[in-house]
Amino acid sequence: MRVEQRLAELGLTLPDRVRLPPGTTISFAWARMRGNRVFVSGHGALAADGSPAGPFGPVPSQVSLPQAQASARLAGLAILSSLKETLTDLDRVTAWLIVNGLVNADPGFPQTTSVLNSFSELIIDLYGADAGQHARTAIGVSALPLNLPVIISAEVEIDQSGLADPGGAAG
């Protein structure tokens, strides 16, 4: 429980399971385990109760760079919440492989990498440089679901010890 202990030291808590707005449906898994990998769907910032957290809108006209960075960090906590639900133990993540970030950006906004840095810094702080270092993309787009300022997806490698079917399609 090293990762959860570090979260507590930082004063951070994982949000509850994603709570979608009324009338919103999804037909995908938030995290899908396959072999020694977990593929994590795009997550936005969540409030403690699992509902989407603001501010909402494009960066920087409606959401400032510091607010977007805070949103990326909250999206990281949402991803960790889905990983915990899938894996039970966040310490089973042995490597963060790739992270893809989309920023709801005004045309010409050049700081998408700066927005995602807060996510990367959180993961490296929690998992250390060896397991936490990851490849990353930070792309500006003209719109995101629910008008979120940031959505982040990831692929992680996991420890399979203790799994009943380590080569199967669990998840």
N, C-alpha and C. Protein backbone atom coordinates (compact mmCIF):
# COMPACT_ATOMS: atom_id res chain seq x y z
N MET A 1 0.83 -1.20 0.00
CA MET A 1 0.00 0.00 0.00
C MET A 1 0.87 1.27 0.00
N ARG A 2 2.04 1.17 -0.61
CA ARG A 2 2.96 2.29 -0.66
C ARG A 2 2.35 3.50 -1.38
N VAL A 3 1.70 3.28 -2.50
CA VAL A 3 1.12 4.38 -3.27
C VAL A 3 0.01 5.06 -2.47
N GLU A 4 -0.85 4.27 -1.85
CA GLU A 4 -1.93 4.87 -1.05
C GLU A 4 -1.38 5.61 0.16
N GLN A 5 -0.31 5.13 0.73
CA GLN A 5 0.33 5.83 1.85
C GLN A 5 0.87 7.18 1.37
N ARG A 6 1.48 7.19 0.20
CA ARG A 6 2.01 8.45 -0.34
C ARG A 6 0.87 9.42 -0.65
N LEU A 7 -0.24 8.92 -1.17
CA LEU A 7 -1.42 9.77 -1.41
C LEU A 7 -1.85 10.44 -0.10
N ALA A 8 -1.91 9.66 0.97
CA ALA A 8 -2.31 10.19 2.27
C ALA A 8 -1.32 11.24 2.76
N GLU A 9 -0.03 10.98 2.57
CA GLU A 9 0.99 11.96 2.96
C GLU A 9 0.81 13.28 2.23
N LEU A 10 0.37 13.20 0.98
CA LEU A 10 0.15 14.40 0.17
C LEU A 10 -1.20 15.04 0.45
N GLY A 11 -2.02 14.41 1.30
CA GLY A 11 -3.34 14.93 1.61
C GLY A 11 -4.34 14.73 0.48
N LEU A 12 -4.09 13.73 -0.36
CA LEU A 12 -4.95 13.46 -1.51
C LEU A 12 -5.81 12.24 -1.26
N THR A 13 -7.03 12.27 -1.75
CA THR A 13 -7.92 11.11 -1.66
C THR A 13 -8.45 10.80 -3.05
N LEU A 14 -8.71 9.54 -3.28
CA LEU A 14 -9.26 9.12 -4.57
C LEU A 14 -10.76 9.40 -4.59
N PRO A 15 -11.27 9.84 -5.72
CA PRO A 15 -12.71 10.07 -5.81
C PRO A 15 -13.47 8.76 -5.84
N ASP A 16 -14.76 8.85 -5.55
CA ASP A 16 -15.64 7.69 -5.70
C ASP A 16 -15.70 7.31 -7.17
N ARG A 17 -16.29 6.16 -7.43
CA ARG A 17 -16.48 5.68 -8.80
C ARG A 17 -17.17 6.77 -9.65
N VAL A 18 -16.82 6.82 -10.92
CA VAL A 18 -17.37 7.82 -11.84
C VAL A 18 -18.89 7.83 -11.77
N ARG A 19 -19.45 9.01 -11.56
CA ARG A 19 -20.90 9.20 -11.54
C ARG A 19 -21.25 10.10 -12.72
N LEU A 20 -21.84 9.52 -13.74
CA LEU A 20 -22.15 10.26 -14.96
C LEU A 20 -23.37 11.15 -14.77
N PRO A 21 -23.42 12.27 -15.49
CA PRO A 21 -24.61 13.12 -15.44
C PRO A 21 -25.84 12.35 -15.92
N PRO A 22 -27.02 12.70 -15.41
CA PRO A 22 -28.26 12.02 -15.84
C PRO A 22 -28.40 12.03 -17.36
N GLY A 23 -28.80 10.88 -17.89
CA GLY A 23 -28.99 10.75 -19.32
C GLY A 23 -27.73 10.38 -20.10
N THR A 24 -26.60 10.34 -19.43
CA THR A 24 -25.35 9.97 -20.09
C THR A 24 -25.11 8.48 -19.92
N THR A 25 -24.85 7.80 -21.02
CA THR A 25 -24.55 6.37 -20.96
C THR A 25 -23.21 6.12 -21.63
N ILE A 26 -22.55 5.03 -21.23
CA ILE A 26 -21.29 4.64 -21.85
C ILE A 26 -21.35 3.17 -22.20
N SER A 27 -20.56 2.77 -23.19
CA SER A 27 -20.53 1.37 -23.60
C SER A 27 -19.08 0.88 -23.63
N PHE A 28 -18.32 1.29 -22.63
CA PHE A 28 -16.91 0.89 -22.55
C PHE A 28 -16.53 0.73 -21.08
N ALA A 29 -15.38 0.12 -20.86
CA ALA A 29 -14.86 -0.06 -19.50
C ALA A 29 -13.94 1.11 -19.17
N TRP A 30 -13.98 1.56 -17.93
CA TRP A 30 -13.06 2.62 -17.50
C TRP A 30 -11.63 2.11 -17.46
N ALA A 31 -11.45 0.83 -17.16
CA ALA A 31 -10.13 0.21 -17.20
C ALA A 31 -10.30 -1.23 -17.66
N ARG A 32 -9.45 -1.64 -18.58
CA ARG A 32 -9.55 -2.99 -19.17
C ARG A 32 -8.21 -3.70 -19.01
N MET A 33 -8.22 -4.79 -18.26
CA MET A 33 -7.01 -5.56 -18.03
C MET A 33 -6.89 -6.63 -19.10
N ARG A 34 -5.68 -6.74 -19.63
CA ARG A 34 -5.39 -7.77 -20.63
C ARG A 34 -3.93 -8.19 -20.44
N GLY A 35 -3.72 -9.44 -20.05
CA GLY A 35 -2.36 -9.90 -19.78
C GLY A 35 -1.74 -9.08 -18.65
N ASN A 36 -0.57 -8.56 -18.90
CA ASN A 36 0.10 -7.75 -17.87
C ASN A 36 -0.06 -6.26 -18.12
N ARG A 37 -1.13 -5.88 -18.80
CA ARG A 37 -1.39 -4.47 -19.09
C ARG A 37 -2.80 -4.10 -18.63
N VAL A 38 -2.94 -2.83 -18.27
CA VAL A 38 -4.27 -2.26 -18.05
C VAL A 38 -4.36 -1.03 -18.94
N PHE A 39 -5.40 -0.99 -19.76
CA PHE A 39 -5.68 0.13 -20.63
C PHE A 39 -6.75 0.96 -19.95
N VAL A 40 -6.45 2.22 -19.69
CA VAL A 40 -7.35 3.08 -18.95
C VAL A 40 -7.99 4.08 -19.91
N SER A 41 -9.32 4.09 -19.94
CA SER A 41 -10.05 5.02 -20.79
C SER A 41 -9.81 6.46 -20.36
N GLY A 42 -10.18 7.38 -21.22
CA GLY A 42 -10.02 8.79 -20.91
C GLY A 42 -10.83 9.20 -19.69
N HIS A 43 -10.16 9.83 -18.75
CA HIS A 43 -10.78 10.33 -17.52
C HIS A 43 -10.60 11.85 -17.44
N GLY A 44 -11.63 12.50 -16.95
CA GLY A 44 -11.53 13.91 -16.63
C GLY A 44 -11.48 14.07 -15.13
N ALA A 45 -11.42 15.31 -14.69
CA ALA A 45 -11.39 15.61 -13.26
C ALA A 45 -12.71 15.20 -12.62
N LEU A 46 -12.60 14.59 -11.44
CA LEU A 46 -13.78 14.20 -10.68
C LEU A 46 -13.75 14.84 -9.30
N ALA A 47 -14.93 15.19 -8.82
CA ALA A 47 -15.09 15.63 -7.43
C ALA A 47 -15.04 14.39 -6.55
N ALA A 48 -14.99 14.59 -5.25
CA ALA A 48 -14.88 13.48 -4.30
C ALA A 48 -16.01 12.45 -4.48
N ASP A 49 -17.21 12.92 -4.86
CA ASP A 49 -18.35 12.01 -5.01
C ASP A 49 -18.39 11.31 -6.37
N GLY A 50 -17.39 11.54 -7.22
CA GLY A 50 -17.33 10.89 -8.52
C GLY A 50 -17.99 11.65 -9.64
N SER A 51 -18.56 12.81 -9.35
CA SER A 51 -19.18 13.61 -10.40
C SER A 51 -18.11 14.48 -11.09
N PRO A 52 -18.36 14.87 -12.35
CA PRO A 52 -17.39 15.71 -13.05
C PRO A 52 -17.12 17.01 -12.27
N ALA A 53 -15.84 17.38 -12.20
CA ALA A 53 -15.43 18.57 -11.44
C ALA A 53 -15.04 19.68 -12.40
N GLY A 54 -15.49 20.88 -12.09
CA GLY A 54 -15.13 22.05 -12.87
C GLY A 54 -13.80 22.62 -12.42
N PRO A 55 -13.39 23.68 -13.05
CA PRO A 55 -14.13 24.48 -14.03
C PRO A 55 -14.21 23.77 -15.39
N PHE A 56 -15.12 24.26 -16.21
CA PHE A 56 -15.36 23.66 -17.51
C PHE A 56 -15.09 24.69 -18.60
N GLY A 57 -14.67 24.19 -19.76
CA GLY A 57 -14.47 25.06 -20.91
C GLY A 57 -13.06 24.99 -21.44
N PRO A 58 -12.82 25.79 -22.49
CA PRO A 58 -11.51 25.77 -23.13
C PRO A 58 -10.46 26.55 -22.33
N VAL A 59 -9.22 26.14 -22.54
CA VAL A 59 -8.05 26.76 -21.94
C VAL A 59 -7.42 27.66 -22.99
N PRO A 60 -7.05 28.87 -22.73
CA PRO A 60 -7.11 29.60 -21.48
C PRO A 60 -8.25 30.61 -21.38
N SER A 61 -9.17 30.64 -22.36
CA SER A 61 -10.20 31.70 -22.34
C SER A 61 -11.21 31.54 -21.21
N GLN A 62 -11.56 30.29 -20.85
CA GLN A 62 -12.53 30.06 -19.77
C GLN A 62 -11.91 29.35 -18.57
N VAL A 63 -10.84 28.63 -18.79
CA VAL A 63 -10.13 27.91 -17.73
C VAL A 63 -8.67 28.35 -17.80
N SER A 64 -8.16 28.88 -16.71
CA SER A 64 -6.77 29.36 -16.71
C SER A 64 -5.80 28.18 -16.75
N LEU A 65 -4.55 28.47 -17.10
CA LEU A 65 -3.54 27.42 -17.11
C LEU A 65 -3.43 26.74 -15.74
N PRO A 66 -3.34 27.49 -14.61
CA PRO A 66 -3.28 26.81 -13.31
C PRO A 66 -4.53 25.96 -13.02
N GLN A 67 -5.71 26.42 -13.43
CA GLN A 67 -6.92 25.63 -13.24
C GLN A 67 -6.88 24.36 -14.09
N ALA A 68 -6.37 24.46 -15.30
CA ALA A 68 -6.27 23.28 -16.17
C ALA A 68 -5.26 22.29 -15.60
N GLN A 69 -4.19 22.78 -15.03
CA GLN A 69 -3.21 21.90 -14.39
C GLN A 69 -3.84 21.18 -13.20
N ALA A 70 -4.63 21.89 -12.42
CA ALA A 70 -5.33 21.26 -11.29
C ALA A 70 -6.32 20.21 -11.80
N SER A 71 -6.97 20.49 -12.92
CA SER A 71 -7.89 19.53 -13.52
C SER A 71 -7.15 18.27 -13.98
N ALA A 72 -5.97 18.44 -14.55
CA ALA A 72 -5.17 17.28 -14.98
C ALA A 72 -4.76 16.44 -13.78
N ARG A 73 -4.44 17.08 -12.68
CA ARG A 73 -4.08 16.34 -11.45
C ARG A 73 -5.29 15.56 -10.93
N LEU A 74 -6.47 16.19 -10.95
CA LEU A 74 -7.70 15.50 -10.53
C LEU A 74 -8.04 14.35 -11.48
N ALA A 75 -7.76 14.52 -12.76
CA ALA A 75 -7.97 13.43 -13.71
C ALA A 75 -7.05 12.26 -13.36
N GLY A 76 -5.84 12.57 -12.89
CA GLY A 76 -4.92 11.54 -12.44
C GLY A 76 -5.48 10.76 -11.27
N LEU A 77 -6.08 11.46 -10.32
CA LEU A 77 -6.70 10.78 -9.18
C LEU A 77 -7.87 9.92 -9.64
N ALA A 78 -8.62 10.39 -10.64
CA ALA A 78 -9.73 9.60 -11.18
C ALA A 78 -9.21 8.32 -11.83
N ILE A 79 -8.10 8.42 -12.56
CA ILE A 79 -7.49 7.24 -13.18
C ILE A 79 -7.04 6.27 -12.10
N LEU A 80 -6.41 6.78 -11.06
CA LEU A 80 -5.97 5.92 -9.96
C LEU A 80 -7.16 5.23 -9.29
N SER A 81 -8.28 5.92 -9.18
CA SER A 81 -9.48 5.32 -8.60
C SER A 81 -9.96 4.14 -9.45
N SER A 82 -9.97 4.31 -10.77
CA SER A 82 -10.37 3.21 -11.65
C SER A 82 -9.37 2.06 -11.60
N LEU A 83 -8.08 2.39 -11.51
CA LEU A 83 -7.07 1.34 -11.39
C LEU A 83 -7.24 0.57 -10.08
N LYS A 84 -7.54 1.28 -9.00
CA LYS A 84 -7.74 0.62 -7.71
C LYS A 84 -8.94 -0.31 -7.78
N GLU A 85 -10.00 0.14 -8.42
CA GLU A 85 -11.19 -0.70 -8.55
C GLU A 85 -10.88 -1.96 -9.37
N THR A 86 -10.06 -1.82 -10.39
CA THR A 86 -9.71 -2.95 -11.26
C THR A 86 -8.69 -3.88 -10.62
N LEU A 87 -7.69 -3.30 -9.95
CA LEU A 87 -6.56 -4.08 -9.44
C LEU A 87 -6.61 -4.36 -7.94
N THR A 88 -7.44 -3.66 -7.20
CA THR A 88 -7.53 -3.71 -5.75
C THR A 88 -6.36 -3.01 -5.07
N ASP A 89 -5.14 -3.20 -5.58
CA ASP A 89 -3.93 -2.65 -4.98
C ASP A 89 -3.17 -1.84 -6.02
N LEU A 90 -3.03 -0.53 -5.78
CA LEU A 90 -2.33 0.34 -6.72
C LEU A 90 -0.85 0.00 -6.85
N ASP A 91 -0.30 -0.69 -5.88
CA ASP A 91 1.10 -1.10 -5.95
C ASP A 91 1.34 -2.19 -6.99
N ARG A 92 0.28 -2.77 -7.53
CA ARG A 92 0.44 -3.76 -8.60
C ARG A 92 0.89 -3.12 -9.90
N VAL A 93 0.76 -1.80 -10.02
CA VAL A 93 1.26 -1.11 -11.22
C VAL A 93 2.79 -1.10 -11.12
N THR A 94 3.44 -1.74 -12.09
CA THR A 94 4.90 -1.81 -12.09
C THR A 94 5.52 -0.78 -13.02
N ALA A 95 4.74 -0.25 -13.97
CA ALA A 95 5.26 0.78 -14.88
C ALA A 95 4.10 1.51 -15.54
N TRP A 96 4.23 2.82 -15.61
CA TRP A 96 3.35 3.65 -16.42
C TRP A 96 4.01 3.72 -17.79
N LEU A 97 3.32 3.22 -18.81
CA LEU A 97 3.93 3.10 -20.13
C LEU A 97 3.68 4.31 -21.01
N ILE A 98 2.41 4.65 -21.20
CA ILE A 98 2.08 5.80 -22.05
C ILE A 98 0.86 6.51 -21.49
N VAL A 99 0.87 7.81 -21.63
CA VAL A 99 -0.22 8.67 -21.19
C VAL A 99 -0.59 9.55 -22.38
N ASN A 100 -1.88 9.63 -22.67
CA ASN A 100 -2.37 10.50 -23.74
C ASN A 100 -3.31 11.53 -23.14
N GLY A 101 -2.98 12.79 -23.33
CA GLY A 101 -3.80 13.86 -22.79
C GLY A 101 -4.39 14.72 -23.89
N LEU A 102 -5.65 15.06 -23.72
CA LEU A 102 -6.34 15.97 -24.62
C LEU A 102 -6.73 17.20 -23.83
N VAL A 103 -6.40 18.36 -24.36
CA VAL A 103 -6.71 19.62 -23.70
C VAL A 103 -7.72 20.37 -24.56
N ASN A 104 -8.83 20.75 -23.95
CA ASN A 104 -9.85 21.57 -24.59
C ASN A 104 -9.23 22.97 -24.74
N ALA A 105 -8.61 23.22 -25.89
CA ALA A 105 -7.77 24.41 -26.04
C ALA A 105 -8.34 25.40 -27.05
N ASP A 106 -8.15 26.67 -26.72
CA ASP A 106 -8.45 27.72 -27.69
C ASP A 106 -7.49 27.57 -28.87
N PRO A 107 -7.91 27.98 -30.07
CA PRO A 107 -7.01 27.89 -31.22
C PRO A 107 -5.68 28.59 -30.94
N GLY A 108 -4.62 27.91 -31.26
CA GLY A 108 -3.29 28.49 -31.09
C GLY A 108 -2.70 28.37 -29.69
N PHE A 109 -3.41 27.75 -28.74
CA PHE A 109 -2.88 27.61 -27.38
C PHE A 109 -1.68 26.67 -27.42
N PRO A 110 -0.48 27.16 -27.07
CA PRO A 110 0.73 26.35 -27.23
C PRO A 110 1.19 25.61 -25.97
N GLN A 111 0.44 25.67 -24.87
CA GLN A 111 0.93 25.14 -23.61
C GLN A 111 0.24 23.85 -23.16
N THR A 112 -0.16 23.02 -24.10
CA THR A 112 -0.81 21.77 -23.72
C THR A 112 0.12 20.88 -22.89
N THR A 113 1.40 20.91 -23.20
CA THR A 113 2.37 20.13 -22.42
C THR A 113 2.40 20.61 -20.98
N SER A 114 2.34 21.92 -20.78
CA SER A 114 2.33 22.47 -19.42
C SER A 114 1.10 22.02 -18.64
N VAL A 115 -0.03 21.90 -19.31
CA VAL A 115 -1.25 21.44 -18.65
C VAL A 115 -1.04 20.03 -18.11
N LEU A 116 -0.47 19.14 -18.92
CA LEU A 116 -0.30 17.74 -18.54
C LEU A 116 0.84 17.50 -17.56
N ASN A 117 1.73 18.45 -17.39
CA ASN A 117 2.86 18.25 -16.48
C ASN A 117 2.42 17.91 -15.07
N SER A 118 1.32 18.52 -14.59
CA SER A 118 0.87 18.24 -13.22
C SER A 118 0.45 16.78 -13.05
N PHE A 119 -0.12 16.19 -14.09
CA PHE A 119 -0.45 14.76 -14.05
C PHE A 119 0.83 13.94 -13.95
N SER A 120 1.78 14.20 -14.85
CA SER A 120 3.03 13.44 -14.87
C SER A 120 3.79 13.57 -13.56
N GLU A 121 3.83 14.77 -13.01
CA GLU A 121 4.52 14.99 -11.74
C GLU A 121 3.87 14.19 -10.61
N LEU A 122 2.54 14.12 -10.60
CA LEU A 122 1.83 13.33 -9.60
C LEU A 122 2.21 11.85 -9.70
N ILE A 123 2.18 11.31 -10.91
CA ILE A 123 2.47 9.89 -11.10
C ILE A 123 3.91 9.57 -10.72
N ILE A 124 4.84 10.42 -11.09
CA ILE A 124 6.25 10.19 -10.74
C ILE A 124 6.45 10.31 -9.24
N ASP A 125 5.75 11.23 -8.61
CA ASP A 125 5.83 11.37 -7.15
C ASP A 125 5.31 10.11 -6.45
N LEU A 126 4.22 9.56 -6.95
CA LEU A 126 3.61 8.39 -6.33
C LEU A 126 4.37 7.09 -6.60
N TYR A 127 4.88 6.93 -7.82
CA TYR A 127 5.48 5.67 -8.23
C TYR A 127 7.00 5.70 -8.35
N GLY A 128 7.60 6.86 -8.22
CA GLY A 128 9.05 6.97 -8.39
C GLY A 128 9.41 7.09 -9.85
N ALA A 129 10.65 7.50 -10.10
CA ALA A 129 11.10 7.77 -11.47
C ALA A 129 11.08 6.51 -12.34
N ASP A 130 11.46 5.37 -11.79
CA ASP A 130 11.55 4.16 -12.60
C ASP A 130 10.18 3.70 -13.08
N ALA A 131 9.24 3.49 -12.18
CA ALA A 131 7.91 3.00 -12.56
C ALA A 131 7.00 4.12 -13.06
N GLY A 132 7.21 5.34 -12.58
CA GLY A 132 6.30 6.43 -12.93
C GLY A 132 6.61 7.14 -14.23
N GLN A 133 7.86 7.08 -14.68
CA GLN A 133 8.23 7.74 -15.94
C GLN A 133 7.46 7.11 -17.08
N HIS A 134 6.92 7.93 -17.98
CA HIS A 134 6.09 7.42 -19.06
C HIS A 134 6.29 8.23 -20.33
N ALA A 135 5.94 7.62 -21.45
CA ALA A 135 5.83 8.36 -22.70
C ALA A 135 4.52 9.13 -22.64
N ARG A 136 4.46 10.28 -23.35
CA ARG A 136 3.25 11.09 -23.21
C ARG A 136 2.98 11.91 -24.46
N THR A 137 1.69 12.13 -24.70
CA THR A 137 1.21 13.02 -25.75
C THR A 137 0.28 14.03 -25.09
N ALA A 138 0.38 15.29 -25.51
CA ALA A 138 -0.51 16.34 -24.99
C ALA A 138 -1.00 17.14 -26.19
N ILE A 139 -2.23 16.89 -26.58
CA ILE A 139 -2.78 17.46 -27.80
C ILE A 139 -3.91 18.43 -27.48
N GLY A 140 -3.94 19.56 -28.15
CA GLY A 140 -5.04 20.50 -28.03
C GLY A 140 -6.15 20.14 -29.00
N VAL A 141 -7.39 20.17 -28.52
CA VAL A 141 -8.55 19.87 -29.35
C VAL A 141 -9.60 20.97 -29.17
N SER A 142 -10.57 21.02 -30.07
CA SER A 142 -11.55 22.09 -30.03
C SER A 142 -12.72 21.84 -29.08
N ALA A 143 -12.91 20.61 -28.63
CA ALA A 143 -13.99 20.29 -27.69
C ALA A 143 -13.73 18.94 -27.05
N LEU A 144 -14.25 18.79 -25.83
CA LEU A 144 -14.17 17.51 -25.11
C LEU A 144 -15.53 17.22 -24.49
N PRO A 145 -15.82 15.93 -24.23
CA PRO A 145 -17.09 15.59 -23.59
C PRO A 145 -17.31 16.37 -22.29
N LEU A 146 -18.54 16.75 -22.06
CA LEU A 146 -18.97 17.49 -20.86
C LEU A 146 -18.26 18.83 -20.73
N ASN A 147 -17.62 19.29 -21.80
CA ASN A 147 -16.88 20.56 -21.82
C ASN A 147 -15.73 20.55 -20.81
N LEU A 148 -15.21 19.35 -20.50
CA LEU A 148 -14.07 19.24 -19.59
C LEU A 148 -12.85 19.92 -20.20
N PRO A 149 -11.98 20.49 -19.38
CA PRO A 149 -10.78 21.12 -19.92
C PRO A 149 -9.68 20.11 -20.28
N VAL A 150 -9.69 18.93 -19.65
CA VAL A 150 -8.64 17.94 -19.85
C VAL A 150 -9.24 16.54 -19.75
N ILE A 151 -8.80 15.65 -20.62
CA ILE A 151 -9.11 14.22 -20.51
C ILE A 151 -7.79 13.47 -20.72
N ILE A 152 -7.57 12.46 -19.87
CA ILE A 152 -6.31 11.72 -19.91
C ILE A 152 -6.60 10.22 -19.92
N SER A 153 -5.91 9.49 -20.81
CA SER A 153 -5.96 8.03 -20.83
C SER A 153 -4.54 7.51 -20.62
N ALA A 154 -4.43 6.22 -20.30
CA ALA A 154 -3.10 5.67 -20.01
C ALA A 154 -3.06 4.17 -20.27
N GLU A 155 -1.84 3.68 -20.37
CA GLU A 155 -1.58 2.24 -20.39
C GLU A 155 -0.52 1.98 -19.34
N VAL A 156 -0.79 1.00 -18.48
CA VAL A 156 0.16 0.64 -17.43
C VAL A 156 0.48 -0.85 -17.50
N GLU A 157 1.65 -1.19 -16.99
CA GLU A 157 2.05 -2.58 -16.85
C GLU A 157 1.80 -2.97 -15.40
N ILE A 158 1.39 -4.23 -15.19
CA ILE A 158 1.07 -4.65 -13.83
C ILE A 158 1.78 -5.94 -13.45
N ASP A 159 1.88 -6.15 -12.14
CA ASP A 159 2.36 -7.40 -11.57
C ASP A 159 1.19 -8.37 -11.59
N GLN A 160 1.39 -9.52 -12.18
CA GLN A 160 0.31 -10.50 -12.31
C GLN A 160 0.29 -11.53 -11.19
N SER A 161 1.20 -11.47 -10.26
CA SER A 161 1.22 -12.48 -9.21
C SER A 161 -0.10 -12.46 -8.44
N GLY A 162 -0.61 -13.63 -8.18
CA GLY A 162 -1.86 -13.76 -7.46
C GLY A 162 -3.09 -13.77 -8.34
N LEU A 163 -2.92 -13.58 -9.65
CA LEU A 163 -4.06 -13.61 -10.55
C LEU A 163 -4.41 -15.05 -10.89
N ALA A 164 -5.70 -15.34 -10.94
CA ALA A 164 -6.16 -16.68 -11.27
C ALA A 164 -5.86 -17.02 -12.73
N ASP A 165 -5.99 -16.03 -13.62
CA ASP A 165 -5.81 -16.26 -15.06
C ASP A 165 -4.90 -15.19 -15.63
N PRO A 166 -3.57 -15.26 -15.39
CA PRO A 166 -2.68 -14.19 -15.79
C PRO A 166 -2.63 -13.94 -17.28
N GLY A 167 -2.97 -14.87 -18.12
CA GLY A 167 -2.91 -14.65 -19.56
C GLY A 167 -4.26 -14.32 -20.15
N GLY A 168 -5.30 -14.29 -19.35
CA GLY A 168 -6.65 -14.16 -19.88
C GLY A 168 -7.09 -12.73 -20.08
N ALA A 169 -8.36 -12.59 -20.32
CA ALA A 169 -8.95 -11.30 -20.66
C ALA A 169 -9.77 -10.77 -19.49
N ALA A 170 -9.24 -10.86 -18.29
CA ALA A 170 -9.97 -10.36 -17.12
C ALA A 170 -10.20 -8.87 -17.26
N GLY A 171 -11.19 -8.37 -16.54
CA GLY A 171 -11.42 -6.92 -16.52
C GLY A 171 -12.58 -6.63 -17.34
